[in-house]
Amino acid sequence: MRKQRFNYCLWTVGAMLLAIFVAMPYHANALEDKLVIVTSYPKDLTGPFKKAFEARHPGVKVEVLQKKTSAAVKYIQETAQGNTSDLMWASAPDAFEVLKGDGLLARYTPKAKGIPKYIGSYPINDPDGYYIGFAASGYGIMWNKRYLKAKKIPVPKEWEDLKNPVYHGHVGMSAPSRSGTTHLTVETVLQGEGWEKGWATWKEIGGNLKMVTERSFGVPEGVNSGDFGVGIVIDFFGFSSKATGFPVDFVYPTVTTLVPANIAIVKDAPHPQAAAAFIEFLLSIEGQELLLDPAIRRLPVNPATYAKAPKDFPNPFKDKSIGAAVKFDVQLSKSRYNIVNSLFDVMITYRRQDLAKAVKAIQDAEAALTGKSNQQAVALIKEARALVAAVPISEAEAVDAKYPGVFTSDVFKKRKKPGVKVPPRQAEVEEKWDAFTKKNYAEAAKKAKKALAVLK
């Protein structure tokens, strides 16, 4: 009888312990000894999180594989059969949509409390549960205060400002094909202003560029060092540079958006418990406050965190104007991702000098027209502007699966340089775009110079 009672008590205690174990949070179970993160973020961001997470979980060694967003997506796609990655960590939501569409992400529901469903009108987490927002990002303009003061250049506040001749040769940006965050910036303006007007904006700004940097990090570095005075960047580049002592500032133009920066567990992750624990750490009070580190300066998704933010730090949960002008459509961005990047490279990155000549000729003609009345010159300048603004395909064609199939297929190849060999169909399309663009810029410069001659 005593033995039966003992066995019953033992069974009861065991059942209770099992129930407690099952009820424990996913990340509270024993963690694996390793965690592999694929990320587009620089060490300035990943380093503090790696150090803090390893301190909290001393048995886990975090390995960080730093890759550009597009390269990170391709890496996860190519290694899917023998996956060794646990987490994908990046800003661009459309990159996560690509991986989600390929069935390469695992669903995960975070346990952290205090995080709302939306930031502005945008869901913080993927509604289907495949990726989680840990911070928010907006896109805008940073500038070097000393540079602008020395050259007597006004502070830009809107994209429209960067079309002004006073900025010619003083602006830097990266190409969207090389930077996921720059792609979001370009796509935001295209969605906010419309296809034709948006491309006209980017080409007028493109005509004022001093350089297109190899990486997105090169833009804040160029502004910080004074290589150029103005940079088109994601917000945290401006905030972190300012917080670490550089004489710079940042502004959100009216036409911008605010979207979550994300993290997701890769399908068949070899260390799922550690991956879940890292996500929970990002969303914890400690993790959210770490975003305020001067070298990071990201917008937390937990509103309570802003109580510890600097006085001049933006709070999108209070300032509803940030990103209000554009309701970013991630599916639209995803559907034309490669085609937008290729168009930008063909029309701006690889034809920057031709574009700059055409835009400068127009600017000179408009300056000469100031205070004068000459209908011939006005007509010529208008024609020149239209030639620069023209896009070789319409918005409808950009999302028509029959037309841009080559840009959404597995054979599409991103060109890091103009001479890189690409598949025949892609080369054929891009060569047509290039011929169209080259001819238009040459004719625009010719008409603008003729207008200038008429005015002399």
Protein backbone atom coordinates (compact mmCIF):
# COMPACT_ATOMS: atom_id res chain seq x y z
CA MET A 1 0.00 0.00 0.00
CA ARG A 2 2.79 2.38 0.94
CA LYS A 3 4.64 1.46 -2.25
CA GLN A 4 1.54 2.17 -4.34
CA ARG A 5 1.08 5.53 -2.58
CA PHE A 6 4.77 6.33 -3.16
CA ASN A 7 4.51 5.44 -6.84
CA TYR A 8 1.35 7.54 -7.17
CA CYS A 9 3.07 10.56 -5.54
CA LEU A 10 6.08 10.05 -7.76
CA TRP A 11 3.84 9.93 -10.85
CA THR A 12 1.99 13.07 -9.69
CA VAL A 13 5.21 15.04 -9.16
CA GLY A 14 6.50 13.86 -12.54
CA ALA A 15 3.29 14.94 -14.25
CA MET A 16 3.47 18.34 -12.57
CA LEU A 17 7.09 18.83 -13.68
CA LEU A 18 6.20 17.78 -17.20
CA ALA A 19 3.29 20.24 -17.26
CA ILE A 20 5.56 23.02 -16.03
CA PHE A 21 8.15 22.14 -18.67
CA VAL A 22 5.57 22.15 -21.47
CA ALA A 23 4.14 25.45 -20.24
CA MET A 24 7.57 27.09 -20.21
CA PRO A 25 8.25 29.61 -22.99
CA TYR A 26 9.84 28.18 -26.10
CA HIS A 27 13.09 30.03 -25.49
CA ALA A 28 13.27 28.98 -21.83
CA ASN A 29 14.01 25.35 -22.79
CA ALA A 30 17.65 24.27 -22.86
CA LEU A 31 19.40 26.19 -25.62
CA GLU A 32 21.80 24.77 -28.15
CA ASP A 33 25.45 25.80 -27.92
CA LYS A 34 25.47 27.73 -31.21
CA LEU A 35 23.45 30.31 -33.15
CA VAL A 36 24.08 31.30 -36.79
CA ILE A 37 22.68 34.65 -37.96
CA VAL A 38 22.66 35.81 -41.58
CA THR A 39 22.37 39.59 -41.62
CA SER A 40 22.86 42.72 -43.70
CA TYR A 41 23.57 44.79 -40.59
CA PRO A 42 27.05 46.18 -39.82
CA LYS A 43 29.07 45.17 -36.77
CA ASP A 44 28.13 48.45 -35.07
CA LEU A 45 24.64 46.99 -34.70
CA THR A 46 25.26 43.25 -34.49
CA GLY A 47 28.23 43.51 -32.11
CA PRO A 48 26.39 44.92 -29.07
CA PHE A 49 23.51 42.44 -29.49
CA LYS A 50 25.87 39.48 -29.90
CA LYS A 51 27.80 40.49 -26.78
CA ALA A 52 24.68 41.06 -24.67
CA PHE A 53 22.98 37.84 -25.80
CA GLU A 54 26.07 35.72 -25.13
CA ALA A 55 26.37 37.32 -21.69
CA ARG A 56 22.77 36.35 -20.93
CA HIS A 57 23.25 32.85 -22.38
CA PRO A 58 26.92 31.99 -21.73
CA GLY A 59 26.58 28.53 -23.24
CA VAL A 60 25.62 29.89 -26.68
CA LYS A 61 28.19 31.05 -29.24
CA VAL A 62 26.75 33.46 -31.82
CA GLU A 63 28.16 33.34 -35.36
CA VAL A 64 27.28 36.32 -37.58
CA LEU A 65 27.42 36.01 -41.38
CA GLN A 66 27.38 39.57 -42.75
CA LYS A 67 25.98 39.83 -46.29
CA LYS A 68 24.12 42.39 -48.36
CA THR A 69 20.36 41.84 -48.25
CA SER A 70 20.10 40.37 -51.75
CA ALA A 71 23.17 38.19 -51.13
CA ALA A 72 21.70 37.00 -47.83
CA VAL A 73 18.47 35.96 -49.55
CA LYS A 74 20.40 34.13 -52.26
CA TYR A 75 22.60 32.41 -49.65
CA ILE A 76 19.60 31.06 -47.76
CA GLN A 77 18.00 29.93 -51.02
CA GLU A 78 21.14 28.17 -52.23
CA THR A 79 21.87 26.41 -48.91
CA ALA A 80 18.27 25.37 -48.20
CA GLN A 81 18.90 21.65 -48.83
CA GLY A 82 21.59 21.52 -46.15
CA ASN A 83 20.66 24.59 -44.15
CA THR A 84 23.11 25.72 -41.46
CA SER A 85 21.53 29.14 -40.77
CA ASP A 86 19.16 29.91 -37.89
CA LEU A 87 18.08 33.50 -38.38
CA MET A 88 17.67 36.04 -41.18
CA TRP A 89 18.07 39.57 -39.79
CA ALA A 90 17.60 42.60 -42.08
CA SER A 91 15.59 45.74 -42.78
CA ALA A 92 13.85 45.09 -46.10
CA PRO A 93 10.42 43.45 -45.64
CA ASP A 94 10.28 42.45 -49.29
CA ALA A 95 13.38 40.30 -48.80
CA PHE A 96 11.51 38.36 -46.12
CA GLU A 97 8.52 38.10 -48.44
CA VAL A 98 10.75 36.44 -51.04
CA LEU A 99 12.01 33.87 -48.52
CA LYS A 100 8.50 33.36 -47.17
CA GLY A 101 7.21 32.79 -50.72
CA ASP A 102 9.96 30.21 -51.25
CA GLY A 103 8.89 28.35 -48.10
CA LEU A 104 12.24 29.02 -46.43
CA LEU A 105 11.03 30.62 -43.18
CA ALA A 106 9.50 29.01 -40.09
CA ARG A 107 6.49 30.44 -38.28
CA TYR A 108 7.16 31.89 -34.84
CA THR A 109 4.92 33.79 -32.42
CA PRO A 110 6.88 36.06 -30.07
CA LYS A 111 6.09 35.99 -26.34
CA ALA A 112 7.22 39.56 -25.55
CA LYS A 113 4.57 41.90 -24.13
CA GLY A 114 3.89 45.60 -24.71
CA ILE A 115 4.44 45.69 -28.48
CA PRO A 116 1.48 46.97 -30.52
CA LYS A 117 0.25 45.38 -33.74
CA TYR A 118 1.01 48.40 -35.91
CA ILE A 119 3.49 51.21 -36.30
CA GLY A 120 1.57 53.87 -38.18
CA SER A 121 -0.58 51.86 -40.59
CA TYR A 122 1.99 49.11 -41.09
CA PRO A 123 1.86 45.74 -39.24
CA ILE A 124 4.91 45.30 -37.01
CA ASN A 125 4.89 41.53 -37.53
CA ASP A 126 4.10 39.52 -40.63
CA PRO A 127 0.35 38.77 -40.38
CA ASP A 128 1.12 35.16 -41.38
CA GLY A 129 3.69 34.81 -38.59
CA TYR A 130 6.84 34.20 -40.62
CA TYR A 131 8.89 37.28 -39.67
CA ILE A 132 8.90 39.65 -36.70
CA GLY A 133 9.56 43.39 -36.50
CA PHE A 134 12.08 44.39 -33.84
CA ALA A 135 12.64 48.03 -34.84
CA ALA A 136 11.24 50.58 -37.26
CA SER A 137 12.99 52.40 -40.08
CA GLY A 138 12.28 55.47 -42.16
CA TYR A 139 14.12 56.95 -45.12
CA GLY A 140 15.41 60.44 -45.69
CA ILE A 141 18.24 62.92 -46.00
CA MET A 142 21.33 63.51 -43.86
CA TRP A 143 23.78 66.37 -44.27
CA ASN A 144 27.09 67.64 -42.96
CA LYS A 145 26.42 70.98 -41.26
CA ARG A 146 29.98 72.25 -41.62
CA TYR A 147 30.10 71.31 -45.31
CA LEU A 148 26.85 73.10 -46.13
CA LYS A 149 27.84 76.18 -44.14
CA ALA A 150 31.26 76.39 -45.78
CA LYS A 151 29.80 76.11 -49.27
CA LYS A 152 26.75 78.26 -48.44
CA ILE A 153 24.33 75.51 -49.41
CA PRO A 154 20.84 75.49 -47.82
CA VAL A 155 19.68 72.60 -45.64
CA PRO A 156 17.48 70.21 -47.69
CA LYS A 157 14.18 69.10 -46.18
CA GLU A 158 12.33 67.46 -49.08
CA TRP A 159 13.28 65.28 -52.07
CA GLU A 160 12.25 68.23 -54.23
CA ASP A 161 15.04 70.29 -52.68
CA LEU A 162 17.71 67.89 -53.95
CA LYS A 163 16.74 68.72 -57.55
CA ASN A 164 17.97 72.27 -57.00
CA PRO A 165 21.13 73.23 -58.99
CA VAL A 166 22.81 74.32 -55.74
CA TYR A 167 23.22 70.62 -54.84
CA HIS A 168 24.90 69.65 -58.12
CA GLY A 169 27.93 67.51 -57.27
CA HIS A 170 27.21 67.55 -53.53
CA VAL A 171 24.94 64.49 -53.08
CA GLY A 172 25.72 60.82 -52.53
CA MET A 173 23.61 57.66 -52.45
CA SER A 174 24.01 53.94 -53.03
CA ALA A 175 22.30 51.91 -55.74
CA PRO A 176 19.16 49.95 -54.81
CA SER A 177 20.64 46.86 -56.46
CA ARG A 178 23.44 46.95 -53.88
CA SER A 179 21.44 47.93 -50.82
CA GLY A 180 18.08 46.68 -49.56
CA THR A 181 17.51 49.89 -47.61
CA THR A 182 18.24 52.04 -50.66
CA HIS A 183 15.81 49.93 -52.65
CA LEU A 184 13.14 50.73 -50.05
CA THR A 185 13.98 54.44 -50.34
CA VAL A 186 13.67 54.38 -54.13
CA GLU A 187 10.47 52.32 -54.00
CA THR A 188 8.98 54.64 -51.37
CA VAL A 189 9.30 57.66 -53.67
CA LEU A 190 7.92 55.66 -56.61
CA GLN A 191 4.90 54.69 -54.51
CA GLY A 192 4.52 58.11 -52.90
CA GLU A 193 4.81 60.20 -56.07
CA GLY A 194 3.73 57.67 -58.68
CA TRP A 195 5.76 55.81 -61.30
CA GLU A 196 6.45 58.61 -63.79
CA LYS A 197 6.85 61.48 -61.35
CA GLY A 198 8.85 59.31 -58.96
CA TRP A 199 11.36 58.32 -61.64
CA ALA A 200 11.59 61.95 -62.77
CA THR A 201 12.47 62.86 -59.17
CA TRP A 202 15.17 60.20 -58.93
CA LYS A 203 16.68 61.18 -62.28
CA GLU A 204 16.81 64.87 -61.40
CA ILE A 205 18.44 63.99 -58.09
CA GLY A 206 20.66 61.52 -59.98
CA GLY A 207 21.89 64.37 -62.16
CA ASN A 208 23.13 66.12 -59.00
CA LEU A 209 24.93 63.08 -57.55
CA LYS A 210 28.63 63.24 -56.89
CA MET A 211 28.79 59.46 -56.60
CA VAL A 212 26.86 56.21 -56.27
CA THR A 213 28.61 54.32 -53.47
CA GLU A 214 29.42 50.59 -53.50
CA ARG A 215 27.55 49.98 -50.23
CA SER A 216 24.86 51.82 -48.29
CA PHE A 217 27.39 52.35 -45.47
CA GLY A 218 29.46 54.44 -47.87
CA VAL A 219 26.86 57.20 -47.89
CA PRO A 220 26.99 58.16 -44.18
CA GLU A 221 30.74 57.70 -44.25
CA GLY A 222 30.95 60.16 -47.16
CA VAL A 223 28.77 62.71 -45.36
CA ASN A 224 30.63 62.25 -42.06
CA SER A 225 34.01 62.79 -43.72
CA GLY A 226 32.84 65.66 -45.92
CA ASP A 227 33.47 63.85 -49.22
CA PHE A 228 30.02 65.18 -50.11
CA GLY A 229 27.58 67.30 -48.17
CA VAL A 230 24.27 65.44 -48.47
CA GLY A 231 23.38 61.75 -48.37
CA ILE A 232 20.22 59.75 -49.04
CA VAL A 233 20.05 57.24 -46.20
CA ILE A 234 17.98 55.10 -43.88
CA ASP A 235 17.29 57.03 -40.67
CA PHE A 236 19.58 55.19 -38.27
CA PHE A 237 22.65 56.13 -40.32
CA GLY A 238 21.88 59.79 -39.66
CA PHE A 239 20.90 59.31 -36.02
CA SER A 240 23.94 57.18 -35.11
CA SER A 241 26.39 59.51 -36.86
CA LYS A 242 24.92 62.48 -35.02
CA ALA A 243 24.92 60.64 -31.68
CA THR A 244 28.57 59.65 -32.03
CA GLY A 245 29.72 63.25 -32.54
CA PHE A 246 29.77 63.92 -36.26
CA PRO A 247 28.52 67.40 -37.29
CA VAL A 248 25.53 65.98 -39.14
CA ASP A 249 21.75 66.00 -39.01
CA PHE A 250 18.86 64.06 -40.56
CA VAL A 251 15.32 64.79 -41.73
CA TYR A 252 12.35 62.71 -42.87
CA PRO A 253 10.93 64.21 -46.08
CA THR A 254 7.14 64.35 -46.30
CA VAL A 255 7.17 61.53 -48.86
CA THR A 256 8.66 58.74 -46.78
CA THR A 257 7.47 55.60 -45.12
CA LEU A 258 8.00 53.82 -41.84
CA VAL A 259 8.35 50.05 -41.98
CA PRO A 260 9.62 47.44 -39.52
CA ALA A 261 13.13 46.05 -39.62
CA ASN A 262 12.75 42.30 -39.27
CA ILE A 263 14.06 38.99 -38.07
CA ALA A 264 12.92 35.46 -38.90
CA ILE A 265 13.77 31.85 -38.10
CA VAL A 266 15.02 30.00 -41.17
CA LYS A 267 13.19 26.77 -42.01
CA ASP A 268 14.92 23.69 -40.57
CA ALA A 269 17.13 25.89 -38.39
CA PRO A 270 19.74 23.67 -36.68
CA HIS A 271 19.46 25.67 -33.44
CA PRO A 272 15.75 26.60 -33.11
CA GLN A 273 15.74 27.12 -29.34
CA ALA A 274 18.64 29.57 -29.49
CA ALA A 275 17.02 31.31 -32.47
CA ALA A 276 13.78 31.80 -30.56
CA ALA A 277 15.70 33.04 -27.53
CA PHE A 278 17.50 35.63 -29.65
CA ILE A 279 14.20 36.97 -31.02
CA GLU A 280 12.80 37.24 -27.50
CA PHE A 281 15.96 39.05 -26.43
CA LEU A 282 15.56 41.58 -29.27
CA LEU A 283 12.01 42.26 -28.11
CA SER A 284 12.82 42.35 -24.38
CA ILE A 285 13.22 45.60 -22.48
CA GLU A 286 16.99 45.09 -22.49
CA GLY A 287 17.07 44.44 -26.23
CA GLN A 288 14.78 47.35 -27.11
CA GLU A 289 16.81 49.76 -24.98
CA LEU A 290 19.97 48.56 -26.69
CA LEU A 291 18.55 50.03 -29.91
CA LEU A 292 19.07 53.47 -28.35
CA ASP A 293 22.84 52.92 -28.16
CA PRO A 294 24.53 55.90 -29.89
CA ALA A 295 26.17 53.59 -32.43
CA ILE A 296 22.81 51.96 -33.31
CA ARG A 297 20.02 54.53 -32.87
CA ARG A 298 17.12 52.46 -34.19
CA LEU A 299 13.44 53.20 -33.52
CA PRO A 300 12.19 50.60 -30.99
CA VAL A 301 8.84 48.86 -31.53
CA ASN A 302 8.03 48.91 -27.81
CA PRO A 303 6.55 52.39 -27.11
CA ALA A 304 7.67 52.27 -23.45
CA THR A 305 11.32 52.29 -24.56
CA TYR A 306 11.09 55.91 -25.74
CA ALA A 307 10.98 57.10 -22.13
CA LYS A 308 14.74 56.50 -22.09
CA ALA A 309 15.42 58.01 -25.53
CA PRO A 310 17.23 61.35 -26.02
CA LYS A 311 14.98 64.42 -26.09
CA ASP A 312 15.38 65.03 -29.82
CA PHE A 313 14.88 61.38 -30.76
CA PRO A 314 11.80 60.79 -32.97
CA ASN A 315 8.91 58.81 -31.50
CA PRO A 316 6.65 57.42 -34.25
CA PHE A 317 4.06 56.35 -31.66
CA LYS A 318 3.57 60.01 -30.73
CA ASP A 319 4.53 61.82 -33.93
CA LYS A 320 2.05 60.33 -36.38
CA SER A 321 3.36 62.48 -39.26
CA ILE A 322 6.43 60.27 -39.80
CA GLY A 323 5.67 58.05 -42.78
CA ALA A 324 2.03 59.13 -42.93
CA ALA A 325 2.21 60.21 -46.60
CA VAL A 326 3.02 56.73 -47.95
CA LYS A 327 1.24 53.51 -47.11
CA PHE A 328 3.99 51.19 -48.29
CA ASP A 329 2.78 48.25 -50.39
CA VAL A 330 5.27 45.45 -49.75
CA GLN A 331 3.64 43.15 -52.31
CA LEU A 332 3.99 45.78 -55.04
CA SER A 333 7.60 46.31 -54.05
CA LYS A 334 8.23 42.56 -54.13
CA SER A 335 6.59 42.12 -57.55
CA ARG A 336 8.88 44.66 -59.24
CA TYR A 337 11.96 44.43 -56.99
CA ASN A 338 14.52 43.41 -59.64
CA ILE A 339 13.00 45.48 -62.40
CA VAL A 340 13.20 48.68 -60.30
CA ASN A 341 16.82 47.91 -59.37
CA SER A 342 17.78 47.24 -63.00
CA LEU A 343 16.02 50.39 -64.23
CA PHE A 344 17.86 52.49 -61.63
CA ASP A 345 21.21 51.03 -62.65
CA VAL A 346 20.56 51.46 -66.38
CA MET A 347 19.16 55.00 -66.11
CA ILE A 348 21.22 56.39 -63.22
CA THR A 349 24.10 54.26 -61.87
CA TYR A 350 25.70 53.37 -65.21
CA ARG A 351 24.63 56.52 -67.08
CA ARG A 352 25.37 58.95 -64.25
CA GLN A 353 27.82 61.08 -66.23
CA ASP A 354 25.47 61.36 -69.22
CA LEU A 355 22.60 62.16 -66.85
CA ALA A 356 24.67 64.77 -65.01
CA LYS A 357 25.56 66.51 -68.32
CA ALA A 358 21.92 66.64 -69.39
CA VAL A 359 20.67 67.87 -66.01
CA LYS A 360 23.46 70.47 -65.74
CA ALA A 361 22.65 71.76 -69.25
CA ILE A 362 19.00 72.14 -68.26
CA GLN A 363 19.96 73.89 -65.02
CA ASP A 364 22.21 76.34 -66.92
CA ALA A 365 19.47 77.08 -69.44
CA GLU A 366 16.90 77.67 -66.70
CA ALA A 367 19.29 79.98 -64.88
CA ALA A 368 19.78 82.00 -68.09
CA LEU A 369 16.01 82.15 -68.57
CA THR A 370 15.45 83.74 -65.17
CA GLY A 371 13.89 87.18 -65.58
CA LYS A 372 13.50 86.77 -69.33
CA SER A 373 10.60 85.91 -71.63
CA ASN A 374 11.53 83.63 -74.49
CA GLN A 375 8.96 81.07 -75.64
CA GLN A 376 11.43 79.17 -77.81
CA ALA A 377 13.77 78.65 -74.85
CA VAL A 378 10.87 77.68 -72.59
CA ALA A 379 9.71 75.06 -75.12
CA LEU A 380 13.22 73.65 -75.58
CA ILE A 381 13.78 73.35 -71.82
CA LYS A 382 10.40 71.65 -71.39
CA GLU A 383 11.29 69.15 -74.11
CA ALA A 384 14.69 68.52 -72.52
CA ARG A 385 13.10 67.87 -69.13
CA ALA A 386 10.61 65.43 -70.66
CA LEU A 387 13.43 63.52 -72.36
CA VAL A 388 15.34 63.16 -69.07
CA ALA A 389 12.22 62.11 -67.19
CA ALA A 390 11.08 59.46 -69.69
CA VAL A 391 11.10 55.83 -68.53
CA PRO A 392 11.47 53.01 -71.08
CA ILE A 393 8.59 50.99 -69.59
CA SER A 394 5.27 51.87 -68.00
CA GLU A 395 4.19 51.00 -64.47
CA ALA A 396 1.74 48.45 -65.87
CA GLU A 397 4.57 46.73 -67.78
CA ALA A 398 6.73 46.67 -64.66
CA VAL A 399 4.25 44.38 -62.88
CA ASP A 400 2.99 42.44 -65.91
CA ALA A 401 4.30 38.91 -65.39
CA LYS A 402 4.53 38.34 -69.15
CA TYR A 403 6.89 41.28 -69.67
CA PRO A 404 9.31 41.28 -66.72
CA GLY A 405 9.40 37.50 -66.31
CA VAL A 406 13.13 37.56 -66.90
CA PHE A 407 13.48 39.87 -63.88
CA THR A 408 11.59 37.57 -61.53
CA SER A 409 12.95 34.25 -62.76
CA ASP A 410 15.82 32.23 -61.34
CA VAL A 411 18.04 33.19 -64.29
CA PHE A 412 17.97 36.91 -63.50
CA LYS A 413 21.43 38.22 -62.66
CA LYS A 414 22.26 41.40 -60.82
CA ARG A 415 25.05 43.42 -62.44
CA LYS A 416 27.61 44.93 -60.06
CA LYS A 417 29.28 46.60 -63.06
CA PRO A 418 27.99 47.52 -66.54
CA GLY A 419 30.13 44.91 -68.27
CA VAL A 420 29.01 41.88 -66.25
CA LYS A 421 27.62 39.16 -68.53
CA VAL A 422 23.95 38.43 -67.93
CA PRO A 423 21.48 35.96 -69.51
CA PRO A 424 20.62 36.78 -73.17
CA ARG A 425 17.00 37.83 -72.58
CA GLN A 426 17.95 40.09 -69.66
CA ALA A 427 20.80 41.59 -71.68
CA GLU A 428 18.46 42.21 -74.62
CA VAL A 429 15.93 44.08 -72.47
CA GLU A 430 18.52 46.11 -70.57
CA GLU A 431 20.33 47.04 -73.81
CA LYS A 432 17.07 48.44 -75.20
CA TRP A 433 16.57 50.45 -72.02
CA ASP A 434 20.14 51.70 -72.21
CA ALA A 435 19.84 52.76 -75.86
CA PHE A 436 16.61 54.59 -75.04
CA THR A 437 18.20 56.32 -72.05
CA LYS A 438 21.46 57.25 -73.77
CA LYS A 439 19.63 58.75 -76.74
CA ASN A 440 17.24 60.74 -74.52
CA TYR A 441 20.00 62.19 -72.33
CA ALA A 442 22.01 63.23 -75.42
CA GLU A 443 18.97 64.88 -77.03
CA ALA A 444 18.03 66.57 -73.74
CA ALA A 445 21.52 68.06 -73.39
CA LYS A 446 21.41 69.22 -77.01
CA LYS A 447 18.03 70.95 -76.59
CA ALA A 448 19.08 72.57 -73.32
CA LYS A 449 22.27 73.91 -74.88
CA LYS A 450 20.24 75.24 -77.81
CA ALA A 451 17.95 77.00 -75.34
CA LEU A 452 20.98 78.52 -73.64
CA ALA A 453 22.31 79.75 -76.99
CA VAL A 454 18.97 81.35 -77.80
CA LEU A 455 19.06 83.24 -74.51
CA LYS A 456 22.55 84.69 -75.00
